[in-house]
Amino acid sequence: MNIKLNIVCLVAAIVVAGCESEEHEHHDGNLQAQAKITEADARATALTKVPDGKIKEAELEKEKGKLIWSFDIAKPNAEGISEVNVDAITGEIVAVEKSDKD
């Protein structure tokens, strides 16, 4: 009886995880549809703030009511990461933050 219950719980967990994954993908697709600035254009803009930097992570997200491209940029032979946020509607840089941690 315990084996059947464990199998049912496992199947339920897989189904729930699959639903959450589909919802997340749909949400990201919705954000992509709202963005007027492509990721490539936003990358180029972000890299103007960190010359010779390499983008480690990129994400399209809503932050403080704005749709932004957020880039974590590392510079060779330098410690820390710079986060550069580019407005996904206007293409303007809206924030630049430097952290000491990778």
Protein backbone atom coordinates (compact mmCIF):
# COMPACT_ATOMS: atom_id res chain seq x y z
CA MET A 1 0.00 0.00 0.00
CA ASN A 2 2.85 2.43 0.81
CA ILE A 3 4.42 1.82 -2.60
CA LYS A 4 1.17 2.77 -4.37
CA LEU A 5 0.88 5.93 -2.27
CA ASN A 6 4.50 6.88 -3.00
CA ILE A 7 3.94 6.38 -6.73
CA VAL A 8 0.79 8.51 -6.67
CA CYS A 9 2.63 11.27 -4.79
CA LEU A 10 5.54 11.13 -7.22
CA VAL A 11 3.25 11.37 -10.25
CA ALA A 12 1.39 14.28 -8.66
CA ALA A 13 4.67 16.10 -7.99
CA ILE A 14 5.77 15.63 -11.60
CA VAL A 15 2.45 16.94 -12.91
CA VAL A 16 2.60 20.02 -10.66
CA ALA A 17 6.22 20.73 -11.66
CA GLY A 18 5.28 20.46 -15.32
CA CYS A 19 2.41 22.92 -14.88
CA GLU A 20 4.66 25.42 -13.12
CA SER A 21 7.24 25.11 -15.88
CA GLU A 22 4.65 25.77 -18.60
CA GLU A 23 3.33 28.78 -16.69
CA HIS A 24 6.85 30.22 -16.34
CA GLU A 25 7.52 29.78 -20.05
CA HIS A 26 4.21 31.44 -20.90
CA HIS A 27 5.07 34.36 -18.59
CA ASP A 28 8.49 34.81 -20.21
CA GLY A 29 6.90 34.67 -23.65
CA ASN A 30 4.45 37.35 -22.57
CA LEU A 31 7.32 39.59 -21.44
CA GLN A 32 9.13 38.96 -24.74
CA ALA A 33 6.00 40.07 -26.61
CA GLN A 34 5.92 43.33 -24.61
CA ALA A 35 9.59 44.21 -25.15
CA LYS A 36 10.27 46.79 -27.87
CA ILE A 37 14.06 46.47 -27.53
CA THR A 38 15.67 43.20 -28.56
CA GLU A 39 18.03 41.40 -26.23
CA ALA A 40 20.86 41.95 -28.72
CA ASP A 41 20.32 45.70 -28.78
CA ALA A 42 20.01 45.84 -24.99
CA ARG A 43 23.25 43.82 -24.65
CA ALA A 44 25.12 46.30 -26.82
CA THR A 45 23.77 49.19 -24.73
CA ALA A 46 24.65 47.49 -21.43
CA LEU A 47 28.20 46.74 -22.56
CA THR A 48 28.83 50.47 -23.10
CA LYS A 49 28.81 50.79 -19.29
CA VAL A 50 31.36 47.98 -18.77
CA PRO A 51 33.93 48.17 -21.58
CA ASP A 52 35.67 44.83 -22.20
CA GLY A 53 33.02 43.15 -20.04
CA LYS A 54 31.51 39.74 -20.65
CA ILE A 55 27.83 39.10 -19.99
CA LYS A 56 27.45 36.23 -17.53
CA GLU A 57 23.66 36.29 -17.23
CA ALA A 58 20.78 38.03 -19.00
CA GLU A 59 17.15 38.20 -18.00
CA LEU A 60 14.00 39.99 -19.10
CA GLU A 61 11.98 40.94 -16.04
CA LYS A 62 9.55 43.38 -14.49
CA GLU A 63 11.19 45.44 -11.77
CA LYS A 64 9.58 48.37 -9.98
CA GLY A 65 6.84 48.39 -12.60
CA LYS A 66 9.27 48.59 -15.54
CA LEU A 67 10.07 45.94 -18.09
CA ILE A 68 13.86 45.68 -18.16
CA TRP A 69 16.68 43.65 -19.57
CA SER A 70 19.00 42.87 -16.68
CA PHE A 71 22.62 41.91 -17.41
CA ASP A 72 25.28 40.64 -15.02
CA ILE A 73 28.61 41.67 -16.53
CA ALA A 74 32.08 40.60 -15.43
CA LYS A 75 35.25 42.38 -16.47
CA PRO A 76 38.42 40.33 -17.06
CA ASN A 77 40.96 40.57 -14.23
CA ALA A 78 38.51 42.50 -12.06
CA GLU A 79 36.56 41.36 -9.03
CA GLY A 80 32.84 41.63 -8.77
CA ILE A 81 29.95 41.89 -11.15
CA SER A 82 28.21 44.91 -12.60
CA GLU A 83 24.45 44.67 -13.05
CA VAL A 84 23.22 46.89 -15.84
CA ASN A 85 19.49 47.34 -16.41
CA VAL A 86 18.19 48.51 -19.78
CA ASP A 87 14.58 49.61 -20.23
CA ALA A 88 13.03 47.07 -22.62
CA ILE A 89 10.65 49.71 -24.01
CA THR A 90 12.89 52.75 -24.50
CA GLY A 91 16.37 51.20 -24.64
CA GLU A 92 17.70 53.59 -21.99
CA ILE A 93 19.97 52.46 -19.17
CA VAL A 94 17.94 52.73 -15.98
CA ALA A 95 20.40 51.38 -13.39
CA VAL A 96 24.00 50.31 -12.94
CA GLU A 97 25.06 48.54 -9.74
CA LYS A 98 28.43 47.04 -8.86
CA SER A 99 28.81 44.18 -6.41
CA ASP A 100 32.00 42.80 -4.94
CA LYS A 101 30.78 39.21 -5.18
CA ASP A 102 30.56 37.05 -8.29
